[in-house]
């Protein structure tokens, strides 16, 4: 799964540079242990909401690669029918990438409230980056979650740079796991998938037992810039990126551990790589050949169950029908 996320992001990079993907595009290569490790520690019935660096989570929550890439290229076969793009993808029990910095955190607390209200043994993973960690709304969400003992795991994906600003320059305290104050916190190696999985299991058990929210800081790293418009080397050196790649790449760490413990052979891992490459190429073919959604569907899916109604277009004489 980590290899699939890595290849998918590299393919998105390629399609963006070919101007087939337009607009905003935030890649998560380097952070694969976070999305895959978190999913390994929870149940499919649990809930997850994240920021706009969302492609990996969309995949781990069950969305096929072809639908993710088709969404990036704005095609009809995309997971949001070509209308959401990079920052707005959704799947079952996955409430999307969200474009406003930190705004998904109160939403995640609300999802956790629904879990408690409905009496279901479910938790909500609420993710945000180190760049969002100083937002006031996050502390308001902490407060309500702690007061009401909500089954919410607040997760700070600390990739060391909020856009182009290092954590040391942005935060008076970089101990993000202690920010909950009255909420217990864990600091986790976000480059080691087994660390992430075990910490997630622990945190989920804590929430399910009725003890209220818990905070996790995943210390990770992104290889790309903040978005595709950021070359990513003006505020950090190429040597720094290369050092992380060579010493703590999440895929390399797991491969080495598997081979050294005789859990897999080098040949088996190579076969997986070949399969993944083929899957990504097939998905990219679909994402570039699939048609764009027709203009008359512009107003579709505004509401999920209302009778059809008319929506005004870009000028008042153009009308579109909204069908759920």
C-alpha atoms as a PDB file:
ATOM      1  CA  UNK A   1       0.000   0.000   0.000  1.00  0.00           C
ATOM      2  CA  UNK A   2       2.858   2.393   0.776  1.00  0.00           C
ATOM      3  CA  UNK A   3       4.432   1.601  -2.571  1.00  0.00           C
ATOM      4  CA  UNK A   4       1.097   2.275  -4.312  1.00  0.00           C
ATOM      5  CA  UNK A   5       0.754   5.669  -2.602  1.00  0.00           C
ATOM      6  CA  UNK A   6       4.364   6.541  -3.518  1.00  0.00           C
ATOM      7  CA  UNK A   7       3.925   5.620  -7.197  1.00  0.00           C
ATOM      8  CA  UNK A   8       0.523   7.324  -7.374  1.00  0.00           C
ATOM      9  CA  UNK A   9       2.006  10.586  -6.079  1.00  0.00           C
ATOM     10  CA  UNK A  10       4.943  10.411  -8.492  1.00  0.00           C
ATOM     11  CA  UNK A  11       2.471   9.837 -11.343  1.00  0.00           C
ATOM     12  CA  UNK A  12       0.428  12.841 -10.160  1.00  0.00           C
ATOM     13  CA  UNK A  13       3.635  14.903 -10.233  1.00  0.00           C
ATOM     14  CA  UNK A  14       4.228  13.806 -13.828  1.00  0.00           C
ATOM     15  CA  UNK A  15       0.638  14.516 -14.940  1.00  0.00           C
ATOM     16  CA  UNK A  16       0.773  17.951 -13.287  1.00  0.00           C
ATOM     17  CA  UNK A  17       3.965  18.860 -15.119  1.00  0.00           C
ATOM     18  CA  UNK A  18       2.278  17.769 -18.370  1.00  0.00           C
ATOM     19  CA  UNK A  19      -0.589  20.190 -17.487  1.00  0.00           C
ATOM     20  CA  UNK A  20      -3.094  17.308 -17.433  1.00  0.00           C
ATOM     21  CA  UNK A  21      -3.702  17.965 -13.708  1.00  0.00           C
ATOM     22  CA  UNK A  22      -4.450  21.657 -13.103  1.00  0.00           C
ATOM     23  CA  UNK A  23      -4.956  23.870 -10.051  1.00  0.00           C
ATOM     24  CA  UNK A  24      -3.792  22.909  -6.577  1.00  0.00           C
ATOM     25  CA  UNK A  25      -2.037  19.609  -5.952  1.00  0.00           C
ATOM     26  CA  UNK A  26      -0.410  18.656  -2.632  1.00  0.00           C
ATOM     27  CA  UNK A  27       1.582  15.415  -2.653  1.00  0.00           C
ATOM     28  CA  UNK A  28       2.362  13.204   0.342  1.00  0.00           C
ATOM     29  CA  UNK A  29       5.308  11.086  -0.852  1.00  0.00           C
ATOM     30  CA  UNK A  30       7.576  10.519   2.151  1.00  0.00           C
ATOM     31  CA  UNK A  31       4.563  10.424   4.499  1.00  0.00           C
ATOM     32  CA  UNK A  32       3.204   7.010   3.414  1.00  0.00           C
ATOM     33  CA  UNK A  33       3.750   5.395   6.827  1.00  0.00           C
ATOM     34  CA  UNK A  34       1.222   7.864   8.279  1.00  0.00           C
ATOM     35  CA  UNK A  35      -1.785   7.086   6.087  1.00  0.00           C
ATOM     36  CA  UNK A  36      -1.106   3.334   5.790  1.00  0.00           C
ATOM     37  CA  UNK A  37      -0.116   2.896   9.448  1.00  0.00           C
ATOM     38  CA  UNK A  38      -3.176   4.770  10.735  1.00  0.00           C
ATOM     39  CA  UNK A  39      -5.513   2.646   8.617  1.00  0.00           C
ATOM     40  CA  UNK A  40      -3.842  -0.532   9.904  1.00  0.00           C
ATOM     41  CA  UNK A  41      -4.638   0.494  13.489  1.00  0.00           C
ATOM     42  CA  UNK A  42      -8.377   1.195  13.099  1.00  0.00           C
ATOM     43  CA  UNK A  43     -11.508  -0.476  11.677  1.00  0.00           C
ATOM     44  CA  UNK A  44     -13.157   0.327   8.325  1.00  0.00           C
ATOM     45  CA  UNK A  45     -16.207   1.478  10.336  1.00  0.00           C
ATOM     46  CA  UNK A  46     -14.119   4.140  12.109  1.00  0.00           C
ATOM     47  CA  UNK A  47     -13.980   7.656  10.667  1.00  0.00           C
ATOM     48  CA  UNK A  48     -11.231   9.887   9.298  1.00  0.00           C
ATOM     49  CA  UNK A  49     -10.985  13.523   8.239  1.00  0.00           C
ATOM     50  CA  UNK A  50      -7.842  15.303   7.056  1.00  0.00           C
ATOM     51  CA  UNK A  51      -6.423  18.415   5.413  1.00  0.00           C
ATOM     52  CA  UNK A  52      -5.759  18.912   1.719  1.00  0.00           C
ATOM     53  CA  UNK A  53      -2.734  16.537   1.561  1.00  0.00           C
ATOM     54  CA  UNK A  54      -5.302  13.785   1.177  1.00  0.00           C
ATOM     55  CA  UNK A  55      -4.486  11.465  -1.741  1.00  0.00           C
ATOM     56  CA  UNK A  56      -2.898   8.772   0.452  1.00  0.00           C
ATOM     57  CA  UNK A  57      -5.804   8.719   2.912  1.00  0.00           C
ATOM     58  CA  UNK A  58      -8.335   8.527   0.084  1.00  0.00           C
ATOM     59  CA  UNK A  59      -6.573   5.392  -1.117  1.00  0.00           C
ATOM     60  CA  UNK A  60      -6.178   3.749   2.310  1.00  0.00           C
ATOM     61  CA  UNK A  61      -9.862   4.407   3.039  1.00  0.00           C
ATOM     62  CA  UNK A  62     -10.715   2.186   0.062  1.00  0.00           C
ATOM     63  CA  UNK A  63     -10.827   4.384  -3.037  1.00  0.00           C
ATOM     64  CA  UNK A  64      -9.179   2.809  -6.130  1.00  0.00           C
ATOM     65  CA  UNK A  65      -6.150   4.600  -7.628  1.00  0.00           C
ATOM     66  CA  UNK A  66      -7.911   5.085 -10.971  1.00  0.00           C
ATOM     67  CA  UNK A  67     -10.727   7.064  -9.301  1.00  0.00           C
ATOM     68  CA  UNK A  68      -8.210   9.220  -7.405  1.00  0.00           C
ATOM     69  CA  UNK A  69      -6.151  10.028 -10.510  1.00  0.00           C
ATOM     70  CA  UNK A  70      -9.342  10.599 -12.550  1.00  0.00           C
ATOM     71  CA  UNK A  71     -10.480  13.073  -9.882  1.00  0.00           C
ATOM     72  CA  UNK A  72      -7.128  14.859 -10.131  1.00  0.00           C
ATOM     73  CA  UNK A  73      -7.545  15.164 -13.903  1.00  0.00           C
ATOM     74  CA  UNK A  74     -11.153  16.374 -13.485  1.00  0.00           C
ATOM     75  CA  UNK A  75     -12.801  13.416 -15.206  1.00  0.00           C
ATOM     76  CA  UNK A  76     -16.261  11.914 -14.837  1.00  0.00           C
ATOM     77  CA  UNK A  77     -14.893   8.665 -13.386  1.00  0.00           C
ATOM     78  CA  UNK A  78     -13.240  10.482 -10.482  1.00  0.00           C
ATOM     79  CA  UNK A  79     -14.244   9.774  -6.881  1.00  0.00           C
ATOM     80  CA  UNK A  80     -16.079  13.133  -6.710  1.00  0.00           C
ATOM     81  CA  UNK A  81     -17.153  12.877 -10.377  1.00  0.00           C
ATOM     82  CA  UNK A  82     -14.427  15.301 -11.456  1.00  0.00           C
ATOM     83  CA  UNK A  83     -15.763  18.208  -9.387  1.00  0.00           C
ATOM     84  CA  UNK A  84     -13.511  18.109  -6.334  1.00  0.00           C
ATOM     85  CA  UNK A  85      -9.946  17.752  -7.527  1.00  0.00           C
ATOM     86  CA  UNK A  86      -6.931  17.272  -5.298  1.00  0.00           C
ATOM     87  CA  UNK A  87      -8.290  18.964  -2.160  1.00  0.00           C
ATOM     88  CA  UNK A  88     -11.831  17.560  -2.063  1.00  0.00           C
ATOM     89  CA  UNK A  89     -11.951  13.772  -2.193  1.00  0.00           C
ATOM     90  CA  UNK A  90     -14.310  11.596  -0.192  1.00  0.00           C
ATOM     91  CA  UNK A  91     -14.904   7.890   0.486  1.00  0.00           C
ATOM     92  CA  UNK A  92     -16.996   5.838   2.908  1.00  0.00           C
ATOM     93  CA  UNK A  93     -16.306   7.060   6.474  1.00  0.00           C
ATOM     94  CA  UNK A  94     -13.751   9.494   5.005  1.00  0.00           C
ATOM     95  CA  UNK A  95     -14.798  13.123   5.189  1.00  0.00           C
ATOM     96  CA  UNK A  96     -12.282  14.356   2.768  1.00  0.00           C
ATOM     97  CA  UNK A  97      -9.419  16.562   2.257  1.00  0.00           C
ATOM     98  CA  UNK A  98     -10.383  20.060   3.389  1.00  0.00           C
ATOM     99  CA  UNK A  99      -8.972  23.191   1.807  1.00  0.00           C
ATOM    100  CA  UNK A 100      -9.150  25.614   4.757  1.00  0.00           C
ATOM    101  CA  UNK A 101      -6.162  25.251   7.099  1.00  0.00           C
ATOM    102  CA  UNK A 102      -7.234  23.628  10.381  1.00  0.00           C
ATOM    103  CA  UNK A 103     -10.979  23.862   9.632  1.00  0.00           C
ATOM    104  CA  UNK A 104     -11.356  20.074   9.516  1.00  0.00           C
ATOM    105  CA  UNK A 105     -10.462  19.735  13.218  1.00  0.00           C
ATOM    106  CA  UNK A 106     -13.792  21.021  14.650  1.00  0.00           C
ATOM    107  CA  UNK A 107     -15.539  18.920  11.976  1.00  0.00           C
ATOM    108  CA  UNK A 108     -13.663  15.853  13.228  1.00  0.00           C
ATOM    109  CA  UNK A 109     -14.751  16.617  16.783  1.00  0.00           C
ATOM    110  CA  UNK A 110     -18.310  16.790  15.437  1.00  0.00           C
ATOM    111  CA  UNK A 111     -17.949  13.388  13.752  1.00  0.00           C
ATOM    112  CA  UNK A 112     -16.669  11.999  17.090  1.00  0.00           C
ATOM    113  CA  UNK A 113     -19.705  13.552  18.817  1.00  0.00           C
ATOM    114  CA  UNK A 114     -21.941  11.701  16.320  1.00  0.00           C
ATOM    115  CA  UNK A 115     -20.117   8.440  17.143  1.00  0.00           C
ATOM    116  CA  UNK A 116     -20.816   8.962  20.849  1.00  0.00           C
ATOM    117  CA  UNK A 117     -24.373  10.223  20.309  1.00  0.00           C
ATOM    118  CA  UNK A 118     -25.278   7.176  18.200  1.00  0.00           C
ATOM    119  CA  UNK A 119     -23.777   4.849  20.806  1.00  0.00           C
ATOM    120  CA  UNK A 120     -21.487   3.193  18.271  1.00  0.00           C
ATOM    121  CA  UNK A 121     -18.103   1.821  19.289  1.00  0.00           C
ATOM    122  CA  UNK A 122     -16.376   4.010  16.705  1.00  0.00           C
ATOM    123  CA  UNK A 123     -13.653   6.660  16.794  1.00  0.00           C
ATOM    124  CA  UNK A 124     -12.769   9.576  14.549  1.00  0.00           C
ATOM    125  CA  UNK A 125      -9.195  10.296  13.456  1.00  0.00           C
ATOM    126  CA  UNK A 126      -8.843  14.050  12.964  1.00  0.00           C
ATOM    127  CA  UNK A 127      -5.678  15.082  11.140  1.00  0.00           C
ATOM    128  CA  UNK A 128      -3.955  18.431  10.668  1.00  0.00           C
ATOM    129  CA  UNK A 129      -0.425  19.572   9.871  1.00  0.00           C
ATOM    130  CA  UNK A 130       2.158  21.401  11.963  1.00  0.00           C
ATOM    131  CA  UNK A 131       1.273  24.528   9.951  1.00  0.00           C
ATOM    132  CA  UNK A 132      -2.315  24.362  11.270  1.00  0.00           C
ATOM    133  CA  UNK A 133      -1.292  23.509  14.842  1.00  0.00           C
ATOM    134  CA  UNK A 134      -1.346  27.147  15.987  1.00  0.00           C
ATOM    135  CA  UNK A 135      -4.937  27.737  14.810  1.00  0.00           C
ATOM    136  CA  UNK A 136      -7.327  28.841  17.555  1.00  0.00           C
ATOM    137  CA  UNK A 137     -10.158  26.584  16.384  1.00  0.00           C
ATOM    138  CA  UNK A 138      -7.999  23.532  17.142  1.00  0.00           C
ATOM    139  CA  UNK A 139      -7.824  24.441  20.836  1.00  0.00           C
ATOM    140  CA  UNK A 140     -11.570  25.095  20.919  1.00  0.00           C
ATOM    141  CA  UNK A 141     -12.102  21.593  19.489  1.00  0.00           C
ATOM    142  CA  UNK A 142      -9.721  20.120  22.110  1.00  0.00           C
ATOM    143  CA  UNK A 143     -11.740  21.796  24.850  1.00  0.00           C
ATOM    144  CA  UNK A 144     -15.136  20.507  23.715  1.00  0.00           C
ATOM    145  CA  UNK A 145     -13.768  17.022  23.007  1.00  0.00           C
ATOM    146  CA  UNK A 146     -12.273  16.834  26.512  1.00  0.00           C
ATOM    147  CA  UNK A 147     -15.393  18.228  28.203  1.00  0.00           C
ATOM    148  CA  UNK A 148     -17.668  15.735  26.450  1.00  0.00           C
ATOM    149  CA  UNK A 149     -15.142  12.865  26.438  1.00  0.00           C
ATOM    150  CA  UNK A 150     -15.455  12.445  22.671  1.00  0.00           C
ATOM    151  CA  UNK A 151     -13.824   9.417  20.972  1.00  0.00           C
ATOM    152  CA  UNK A 152     -11.540  11.649  18.900  1.00  0.00           C
ATOM    153  CA  UNK A 153      -7.867  11.039  18.077  1.00  0.00           C
ATOM    154  CA  UNK A 154      -6.335  14.408  17.205  1.00  0.00           C
ATOM    155  CA  UNK A 155      -3.325  13.772  14.959  1.00  0.00           C
ATOM    156  CA  UNK A 156      -0.682  16.354  14.059  1.00  0.00           C
ATOM    157  CA  UNK A 157       1.250  15.261  10.971  1.00  0.00           C
ATOM    158  CA  UNK A 158       4.442  17.166  11.678  1.00  0.00           C
ATOM    159  CA  UNK A 159       6.433  17.179   8.432  1.00  0.00           C
ATOM    160  CA  UNK A 160       8.673  19.961   9.808  1.00  0.00           C
ATOM    161  CA  UNK A 161       7.509  22.688   7.405  1.00  0.00           C
ATOM    162  CA  UNK A 162       4.207  24.577   7.276  1.00  0.00           C
ATOM    163  CA  UNK A 163       4.293  25.656   3.629  1.00  0.00           C
ATOM    164  CA  UNK A 164       7.837  27.104   3.548  1.00  0.00           C
ATOM    165  CA  UNK A 165       8.293  27.878   7.237  1.00  0.00           C
ATOM    166  CA  UNK A 166      10.183  25.499   9.516  1.00  0.00           C
ATOM    167  CA  UNK A 167       8.490  24.485  12.767  1.00  0.00           C
ATOM    168  CA  UNK A 168      11.208  26.248  14.810  1.00  0.00           C
ATOM    169  CA  UNK A 169      10.344  29.582  13.169  1.00  0.00           C
ATOM    170  CA  UNK A 170       6.562  29.090  13.436  1.00  0.00           C
ATOM    171  CA  UNK A 171       5.972  27.664  16.918  1.00  0.00           C
ATOM    172  CA  UNK A 172       7.204  28.773  20.340  1.00  0.00           C
ATOM    173  CA  UNK A 173       6.887  25.124  21.379  1.00  0.00           C
ATOM    174  CA  UNK A 174       7.390  22.357  18.831  1.00  0.00           C
ATOM    175  CA  UNK A 175       6.174  19.683  21.266  1.00  0.00           C
ATOM    176  CA  UNK A 176       2.905  19.358  19.375  1.00  0.00           C
ATOM    177  CA  UNK A 177       1.912  16.235  21.303  1.00  0.00           C
ATOM    178  CA  UNK A 178       1.832  18.313  24.528  1.00  0.00           C
ATOM    179  CA  UNK A 179      -0.403  20.998  23.073  1.00  0.00           C
ATOM    180  CA  UNK A 180      -3.570  19.279  24.305  1.00  0.00           C
ATOM    181  CA  UNK A 181      -2.663  20.409  27.849  1.00  0.00           C
ATOM    182  CA  UNK A 182      -5.508  18.483  29.541  1.00  0.00           C
ATOM    183  CA  UNK A 183      -5.504  15.767  26.812  1.00  0.00           C
ATOM    184  CA  UNK A 184      -2.883  12.981  26.953  1.00  0.00           C
ATOM    185  CA  UNK A 185      -0.421  13.006  24.050  1.00  0.00           C
ATOM    186  CA  UNK A 186       1.943  10.644  22.236  1.00  0.00           C
ATOM    187  CA  UNK A 187       4.939  11.448  20.054  1.00  0.00           C
ATOM    188  CA  UNK A 188       5.349   8.845  17.307  1.00  0.00           C
ATOM    189  CA  UNK A 189       7.982   8.111  14.650  1.00  0.00           C
ATOM    190  CA  UNK A 190       5.846   8.863  11.594  1.00  0.00           C
ATOM    191  CA  UNK A 191       8.417   7.282   9.256  1.00  0.00           C
ATOM    192  CA  UNK A 192       8.049   3.829  10.867  1.00  0.00           C
ATOM    193  CA  UNK A 193       4.779   2.201   9.846  1.00  0.00           C
ATOM    194  CA  UNK A 194       4.819  -0.284  12.740  1.00  0.00           C
ATOM    195  CA  UNK A 195       5.220   2.557  15.264  1.00  0.00           C
ATOM    196  CA  UNK A 196       2.269   4.372  13.681  1.00  0.00           C
ATOM    197  CA  UNK A 197       0.100   1.238  13.653  1.00  0.00           C
ATOM    198  CA  UNK A 198       0.769   0.331  17.301  1.00  0.00           C
ATOM    199  CA  UNK A 199       0.324   3.916  18.540  1.00  0.00           C
ATOM    200  CA  UNK A 200      -2.976   4.130  16.628  1.00  0.00           C
ATOM    201  CA  UNK A 201      -4.226   0.887  18.185  1.00  0.00           C
ATOM    202  CA  UNK A 202      -3.330   2.234  21.626  1.00  0.00           C
ATOM    203  CA  UNK A 203      -5.030   5.580  20.961  1.00  0.00           C
ATOM    204  CA  UNK A 204      -8.166   3.911  19.520  1.00  0.00           C
ATOM    205  CA  UNK A 205      -8.438   1.630  22.589  1.00  0.00           C
ATOM    206  CA  UNK A 206      -8.119   4.706  24.827  1.00  0.00           C
ATOM    207  CA  UNK A 207     -10.998   6.432  23.024  1.00  0.00           C
ATOM    208  CA  UNK A 208     -13.226   3.338  22.825  1.00  0.00           C
ATOM    209  CA  UNK A 209     -12.892   2.776  26.580  1.00  0.00           C
ATOM    210  CA  UNK A 210     -14.670   6.105  27.218  1.00  0.00           C
ATOM    211  CA  UNK A 211     -11.616   8.022  28.443  1.00  0.00           C
ATOM    212  CA  UNK A 212     -12.141  10.815  25.954  1.00  0.00           C
ATOM    213  CA  UNK A 213      -9.800  12.276  23.306  1.00  0.00           C
ATOM    214  CA  UNK A 214      -6.078  11.657  22.847  1.00  0.00           C
ATOM    215  CA  UNK A 215      -3.443  13.546  20.858  1.00  0.00           C
ATOM    216  CA  UNK A 216      -0.801  12.038  18.554  1.00  0.00           C
ATOM    217  CA  UNK A 217       2.109  13.796  16.870  1.00  0.00           C
ATOM    218  CA  UNK A 218       3.491  11.890  13.896  1.00  0.00           C
ATOM    219  CA  UNK A 219       7.006  13.104  13.100  1.00  0.00           C
ATOM    220  CA  UNK A 220       7.264  12.682   9.349  1.00  0.00           C
ATOM    221  CA  UNK A 221       8.686  14.380   6.235  1.00  0.00           C
ATOM    222  CA  UNK A 222       7.487  15.298   2.759  1.00  0.00           C
ATOM    223  CA  UNK A 223       9.813  14.917  -0.218  1.00  0.00           C
ATOM    224  CA  UNK A 224       7.901  17.293  -2.493  1.00  0.00           C
ATOM    225  CA  UNK A 225       7.326  20.963  -1.806  1.00  0.00           C
ATOM    226  CA  UNK A 226       4.198  22.175  -0.016  1.00  0.00           C
ATOM    227  CA  UNK A 227       2.291  22.039  -3.301  1.00  0.00           C
ATOM    228  CA  UNK A 228       3.277  21.560  -6.919  1.00  0.00           C
ATOM    229  CA  UNK A 229       3.944  25.306  -7.235  1.00  0.00           C
ATOM    230  CA  UNK A 230       6.624  25.054  -4.514  1.00  0.00           C
ATOM    231  CA  UNK A 231       9.970  23.601  -5.670  1.00  0.00           C
ATOM    232  CA  UNK A 232      10.625  22.769  -1.999  1.00  0.00           C
ATOM    233  CA  UNK A 233      14.325  23.669  -1.946  1.00  0.00           C
ATOM    234  CA  UNK A 234      14.322  27.406  -1.198  1.00  0.00           C
ATOM    235  CA  UNK A 235      13.757  26.919   2.560  1.00  0.00           C
ATOM    236  CA  UNK A 236      15.573  23.583   2.986  1.00  0.00           C
ATOM    237  CA  UNK A 237      18.578  22.023   1.276  1.00  0.00           C
ATOM    238  CA  UNK A 238      18.619  19.190  -1.234  1.00  0.00           C
ATOM    239  CA  UNK A 239      21.083  17.491   1.116  1.00  0.00           C
ATOM    240  CA  UNK A 240      18.504  17.496   3.930  1.00  0.00           C
ATOM    241  CA  UNK A 241      15.891  15.838   1.700  1.00  0.00           C
ATOM    242  CA  UNK A 242      18.461  13.311   0.481  1.00  0.00           C
ATOM    243  CA  UNK A 243      19.517  12.466   4.018  1.00  0.00           C
ATOM    244  CA  UNK A 244      15.930  11.694   5.058  1.00  0.00           C
ATOM    245  CA  UNK A 245      15.459   9.577   1.912  1.00  0.00           C
ATOM    246  CA  UNK A 246      18.607   7.574   2.598  1.00  0.00           C
ATOM    247  CA  UNK A 247      18.181   7.077   6.348  1.00  0.00           C
ATOM    248  CA  UNK A 248      14.480   6.993   7.201  1.00  0.00           C
ATOM    249  CA  UNK A 249      12.400   6.390   4.077  1.00  0.00           C
ATOM    250  CA  UNK A 250       9.259   4.538   5.312  1.00  0.00           C
ATOM    251  CA  UNK A 251       9.176   2.041   2.434  1.00  0.00           C
ATOM    252  CA  UNK A 252      12.899   1.297   2.675  1.00  0.00           C
ATOM    253  CA  UNK A 253      12.675   0.803   6.465  1.00  0.00           C
ATOM    254  CA  UNK A 254       9.855  -1.734   6.153  1.00  0.00           C
ATOM    255  CA  UNK A 255      11.515  -3.559   3.241  1.00  0.00           C
ATOM    256  CA  UNK A 256      14.782  -3.897   5.174  1.00  0.00           C
ATOM    257  CA  UNK A 257      12.969  -5.130   8.270  1.00  0.00           C
ATOM    258  CA  UNK A 258      10.991  -7.714   6.282  1.00  0.00           C
ATOM    259  CA  UNK A 259      14.053  -9.043   4.454  1.00  0.00           C
ATOM    260  CA  UNK A 260      16.234  -9.125   7.608  1.00  0.00           C
ATOM    261  CA  UNK A 261      13.558 -11.073   9.510  1.00  0.00           C
ATOM    262  CA  UNK A 262      12.949 -13.499   6.628  1.00  0.00           C
ATOM    263  CA  UNK A 263       9.357 -12.324   6.221  1.00  0.00           C
ATOM    264  CA  UNK A 264       9.866 -11.657   2.500  1.00  0.00           C
ATOM    265  CA  UNK A 265      12.572 -12.097  -0.110  1.00  0.00           C
ATOM    266  CA  UNK A 266      14.014  -9.330  -2.280  1.00  0.00           C
ATOM    267  CA  UNK A 267      12.443 -11.080  -5.306  1.00  0.00           C
ATOM    268  CA  UNK A 268       8.959 -11.023  -3.739  1.00  0.00           C
ATOM    269  CA  UNK A 269       9.281  -7.311  -3.003  1.00  0.00           C
ATOM    270  CA  UNK A 270      10.412  -6.676  -6.597  1.00  0.00           C
ATOM    271  CA  UNK A 271       7.317  -8.504  -7.845  1.00  0.00           C
ATOM    272  CA  UNK A 272       5.129  -6.219  -5.718  1.00  0.00           C
ATOM    273  CA  UNK A 273       6.883  -3.191  -7.240  1.00  0.00           C
ATOM    274  CA  UNK A 274       6.205  -4.466 -10.777  1.00  0.00           C
ATOM    275  CA  UNK A 275       2.508  -5.047  -9.983  1.00  0.00           C
ATOM    276  CA  UNK A 276       2.180  -1.599  -8.439  1.00  0.00           C
ATOM    277  CA  UNK A 277       3.807   0.115 -11.436  1.00  0.00           C
ATOM    278  CA  UNK A 278       1.372  -1.641 -13.780  1.00  0.00           C
ATOM    279  CA  UNK A 279      -1.634  -0.662 -11.627  1.00  0.00           C
ATOM    280  CA  UNK A 280      -0.546   2.990 -11.629  1.00  0.00           C
ATOM    281  CA  UNK A 281       0.068   3.035 -15.397  1.00  0.00           C
ATOM    282  CA  UNK A 282      -3.381   1.521 -16.053  1.00  0.00           C
ATOM    283  CA  UNK A 283      -4.971   4.066 -13.695  1.00  0.00           C
ATOM    284  CA  UNK A 284      -3.160   6.932 -15.453  1.00  0.00           C
ATOM    285  CA  UNK A 285      -4.405   5.669 -18.837  1.00  0.00           C
ATOM    286  CA  UNK A 286      -7.970   5.731 -17.509  1.00  0.00           C
ATOM    287  CA  UNK A 287      -7.497   9.175 -15.906  1.00  0.00           C
ATOM    288  CA  UNK A 288      -6.340  10.720 -19.182  1.00  0.00           C
ATOM    289  CA  UNK A 289      -8.843   8.961 -21.494  1.00  0.00           C
ATOM    290  CA  UNK A 290     -12.009   9.276 -19.385  1.00  0.00           C
ATOM    291  CA  UNK A 291     -14.333  12.140 -20.507  1.00  0.00           C
ATOM    292  CA  UNK A 292     -14.804  15.310 -18.487  1.00  0.00           C
ATOM    293  CA  UNK A 293     -18.234  15.754 -16.841  1.00  0.00           C
ATOM    294  CA  UNK A 294     -20.718  17.467 -19.194  1.00  0.00           C
ATOM    295  CA  UNK A 295     -21.626  21.097 -18.481  1.00  0.00           C
ATOM    296  CA  UNK A 296     -25.288  20.284 -17.820  1.00  0.00           C
ATOM    297  CA  UNK A 297     -24.207  18.253 -14.754  1.00  0.00           C
ATOM    298  CA  UNK A 298     -22.600  21.298 -13.130  1.00  0.00           C
ATOM    299  CA  UNK A 299     -25.436  21.657 -10.634  1.00  0.00           C
ATOM    300  CA  UNK A 300     -25.792  17.936  -9.823  1.00  0.00           C
ATOM    301  CA  UNK A 301     -25.261  16.550  -6.302  1.00  0.00           C
ATOM    302  CA  UNK A 302     -25.718  19.782  -4.336  1.00  0.00           C
ATOM    303  CA  UNK A 303     -28.029  17.911  -1.955  1.00  0.00           C
ATOM    304  CA  UNK A 304     -28.272  14.158  -1.457  1.00  0.00           C
ATOM    305  CA  UNK A 305     -32.023  13.556  -1.445  1.00  0.00           C
ATOM    306  CA  UNK A 306     -34.003  16.633  -2.447  1.00  0.00           C
ATOM    307  CA  UNK A 307     -36.263  16.772  -5.512  1.00  0.00           C
ATOM    308  CA  UNK A 308     -34.600  18.385  -8.564  1.00  0.00           C
ATOM    309  CA  UNK A 309     -34.448  22.195  -8.600  1.00  0.00           C
ATOM    310  CA  UNK A 310     -32.882  24.868 -10.779  1.00  0.00           C
ATOM    311  CA  UNK A 311     -29.541  26.529 -10.054  1.00  0.00           C
ATOM    312  CA  UNK A 312     -28.412  29.804 -11.628  1.00  0.00           C
ATOM    313  CA  UNK A 313     -25.241  29.564 -13.680  1.00  0.00           C
ATOM    314  CA  UNK A 314     -22.475  32.115 -14.197  1.00  0.00           C
ATOM    315  CA  UNK A 315     -25.052  34.597 -15.519  1.00  0.00           C
ATOM    316  CA  UNK A 316     -28.704  34.784 -14.540  1.00  0.00           C
ATOM    317  CA  UNK A 317     -30.046  33.489 -17.870  1.00  0.00           C
ATOM    318  CA  UNK A 318     -28.214  30.186 -17.674  1.00  0.00           C
ATOM    319  CA  UNK A 319     -30.019  27.602 -15.534  1.00  0.00           C
ATOM    320  CA  UNK A 320     -28.746  24.211 -14.460  1.00  0.00           C
ATOM    321  CA  UNK A 321     -30.840  21.431 -12.965  1.00  0.00           C
ATOM    322  CA  UNK A 322     -29.695  20.018  -9.609  1.00  0.00           C
ATOM    323  CA  UNK A 323     -30.256  16.289  -9.280  1.00  0.00           C
ATOM    324  CA  UNK A 324     -29.002  14.310  -6.298  1.00  0.00           C
END
